[in-house]
Structures are given as C-alpha cells and as structure tokens.
Amino acid sequence: MSGCSHYHIGIPLVPGLSLGLGATKDGNFSVGLNTGWGPLGAGVAVNNSGVVAGSAGVGVGVGAGPVGTGVGVSKSVVLHDPNAAAARVSYRPAAVAQAGELGTPANPVAP
C-alpha cells in the first residue's frame, strides 16, 4: 500500500475470488480479498499499520504456457486510516483558551 516497488501474490479460493498477499521493499505487508472477471478486478486490503484500502483496475495479458506478460491500470483509495483519526483528536480550536491565556483585568487577552 505504501511504496512503489511491491510484490503481490494471489491465492485462488473459489472461482472469481482470491486471497491477496503483498509486501513492499520498505517492509510493509498487506492481506486482502480480490475479485475479478475478465479484465476487470477489485479488492480490499489491510496493511500492517491498520490502513484499509480499496482498489479497482483493468488489465490485459498474453502468454504461452507458464510464461506471460501483462499490463494494467488501477486506482486505490484509503477507506480507513487509524492514524488519521488520532491526528483529528489532537485538534485544538483557536477559541479554546489554555490555563494562563485568559489574561487579567490589567492585561486582557483579545478573543
């Protein structure tokens, strides 16, 4: 999910559904479910940081026996990022004053 150089393997479960296992060069891994029919495919995966992503793509390939080559394009989107939720919790609106920021009658603090 992160990094450009990655490895992916699909393990067929039933026709049209496979278990996807992936790893990147930076040490991250992912596990997901993939489905496809013809040149179209879609999947959802979670990585070791808890980030859940969905993807969809289209591809074509040619081959003879066990040797083949292919090309495809896909788009993925983050569906859930537990780290992003922590960043939102730490947000402090400007209107909330901290202790000592309220000022005194002789030294007021403007809102």
Protein backbone atom coordinates (compact mmCIF):
# COMPACT_ATOMS: atom_id res chain seq x y z
CA MET A 1 0.00 0.00 0.00
CA SER A 2 2.90 2.32 0.58
CA GLY A 3 5.94 2.42 -1.63
CA CYS A 4 6.13 1.89 -5.35
CA SER A 5 8.08 -1.34 -5.52
CA HIS A 6 5.96 -4.18 -4.26
CA TYR A 7 5.31 -7.86 -4.67
CA HIS A 8 1.87 -9.43 -4.77
CA ILE A 9 0.59 -12.97 -4.99
CA GLY A 10 -2.99 -14.14 -5.36
CA ILE A 11 -4.11 -17.48 -3.96
CA PRO A 12 -7.35 -18.70 -5.58
CA LEU A 13 -10.12 -19.54 -3.09
CA VAL A 14 -13.13 -20.08 -5.36
CA PRO A 15 -13.68 -19.03 -8.98
CA GLY A 16 -13.56 -15.23 -9.08
CA LEU A 17 -12.22 -14.75 -5.51
CA SER A 18 -8.64 -14.88 -4.28
CA LEU A 19 -6.65 -14.14 -1.15
CA GLY A 20 -4.05 -11.47 -1.85
CA LEU A 21 -0.73 -11.28 -0.02
CA GLY A 22 1.61 -8.37 -0.68
CA ALA A 23 4.86 -6.87 0.55
CA THR A 24 6.79 -3.68 -0.21
CA LYS A 25 10.51 -3.06 -0.25
CA ASP A 26 10.18 -0.85 2.86
CA GLY A 27 8.98 -3.81 4.96
CA ASN A 28 5.20 -3.26 4.93
CA PHE A 29 2.82 -6.10 4.13
CA SER A 30 -0.85 -6.41 3.27
CA VAL A 31 -3.57 -9.05 3.24
CA GLY A 32 -6.77 -8.74 1.23
CA LEU A 33 -9.54 -10.26 -0.84
CA ASN A 34 -9.60 -9.76 -4.59
CA THR A 35 -12.25 -10.47 -7.16
CA GLY A 36 -12.27 -10.20 -10.90
CA TRP A 37 -14.00 -11.20 -14.06
CA GLY A 38 -12.25 -10.95 -17.38
CA PRO A 39 -10.05 -7.87 -17.49
CA LEU A 40 -11.80 -6.14 -14.55
CA GLY A 41 -10.85 -6.56 -10.91
CA ALA A 42 -11.44 -5.10 -7.48
CA GLY A 43 -10.20 -5.74 -3.99
CA VAL A 44 -9.91 -4.59 -0.41
CA ALA A 45 -6.82 -4.99 1.77
CA VAL A 46 -5.42 -4.07 5.18
CA ASN A 47 -1.74 -3.44 5.87
CA ASN A 48 0.38 -3.88 9.00
CA SER A 49 -0.40 -0.28 10.09
CA GLY A 50 -4.15 -0.97 10.10
CA VAL A 51 -4.83 1.09 6.96
CA VAL A 52 -7.70 -0.34 4.90
CA ALA A 53 -7.68 0.39 1.17
CA GLY A 54 -9.94 -0.50 -1.73
CA SER A 55 -8.85 -0.78 -5.34
CA ALA A 56 -10.24 -1.38 -8.80
CA GLY A 57 -8.47 -1.93 -12.08
CA VAL A 58 -8.38 -3.29 -15.57
CA GLY A 59 -5.60 -5.29 -17.20
CA VAL A 60 -4.69 -7.46 -20.15
CA GLY A 61 -2.08 -10.13 -20.56
CA VAL A 62 -0.68 -12.53 -23.10
CA GLY A 63 1.25 -15.69 -22.50
CA ALA A 64 2.24 -19.12 -23.65
CA GLY A 65 2.29 -21.85 -21.04
CA PRO A 66 3.76 -20.68 -17.73
CA VAL A 67 5.39 -17.61 -19.30
CA GLY A 68 3.40 -14.46 -19.90
CA THR A 69 3.36 -10.71 -19.69
CA GLY A 70 0.67 -8.20 -18.93
CA VAL A 71 -0.16 -4.58 -18.36
CA GLY A 72 -2.86 -2.91 -16.34
CA VAL A 73 -4.01 0.24 -14.61
CA SER A 74 -5.66 0.53 -11.24
CA LYS A 75 -6.81 3.11 -8.73
CA SER A 76 -6.83 2.68 -4.98
CA VAL A 77 -8.31 4.75 -2.20
CA VAL A 78 -7.82 4.68 1.58
CA LEU A 79 -11.08 3.61 3.22
CA HIS A 80 -9.88 3.80 6.84
CA ASP A 81 -6.67 5.11 8.40
CA PRO A 82 -6.47 4.71 12.20
CA ASN A 83 -3.52 7.11 12.33
CA ALA A 84 -5.53 9.91 10.69
CA ALA A 85 -8.18 9.66 13.43
CA ALA A 86 -5.51 10.30 16.09
CA ALA A 87 -4.44 13.48 14.28
CA ARG A 88 -8.02 14.82 14.34
CA VAL A 89 -8.37 14.17 18.08
CA SER A 90 -5.39 16.40 18.85
CA TYR A 91 -7.01 19.38 17.09
CA ARG A 92 -7.46 22.40 19.39
CA PRO A 93 -9.81 25.15 18.17
CA ALA A 94 -8.39 28.66 18.46
CA ALA A 95 -11.35 29.73 20.63
CA VAL A 96 -10.38 27.32 23.43
CA ALA A 97 -8.04 29.03 25.89
CA GLN A 98 -5.39 27.21 27.86
CA ALA A 99 -4.72 27.90 31.53
CA GLY A 100 -2.91 31.22 31.84
CA GLU A 101 -4.22 32.53 28.49
CA LEU A 102 -7.27 34.23 29.98
CA GLY A 103 -5.41 37.40 30.98
CA THR A 104 -6.15 39.75 33.91
CA PRO A 105 -8.19 42.96 34.19
CA ALA A 106 -4.98 44.97 33.83
CA ASN A 107 -3.71 42.79 30.93
CA PRO A 108 -6.70 41.45 28.89
CA VAL A 109 -6.26 38.95 26.06
CA ALA A 110 -8.23 39.71 22.92
CA PRO A 111 -10.58 36.95 21.71
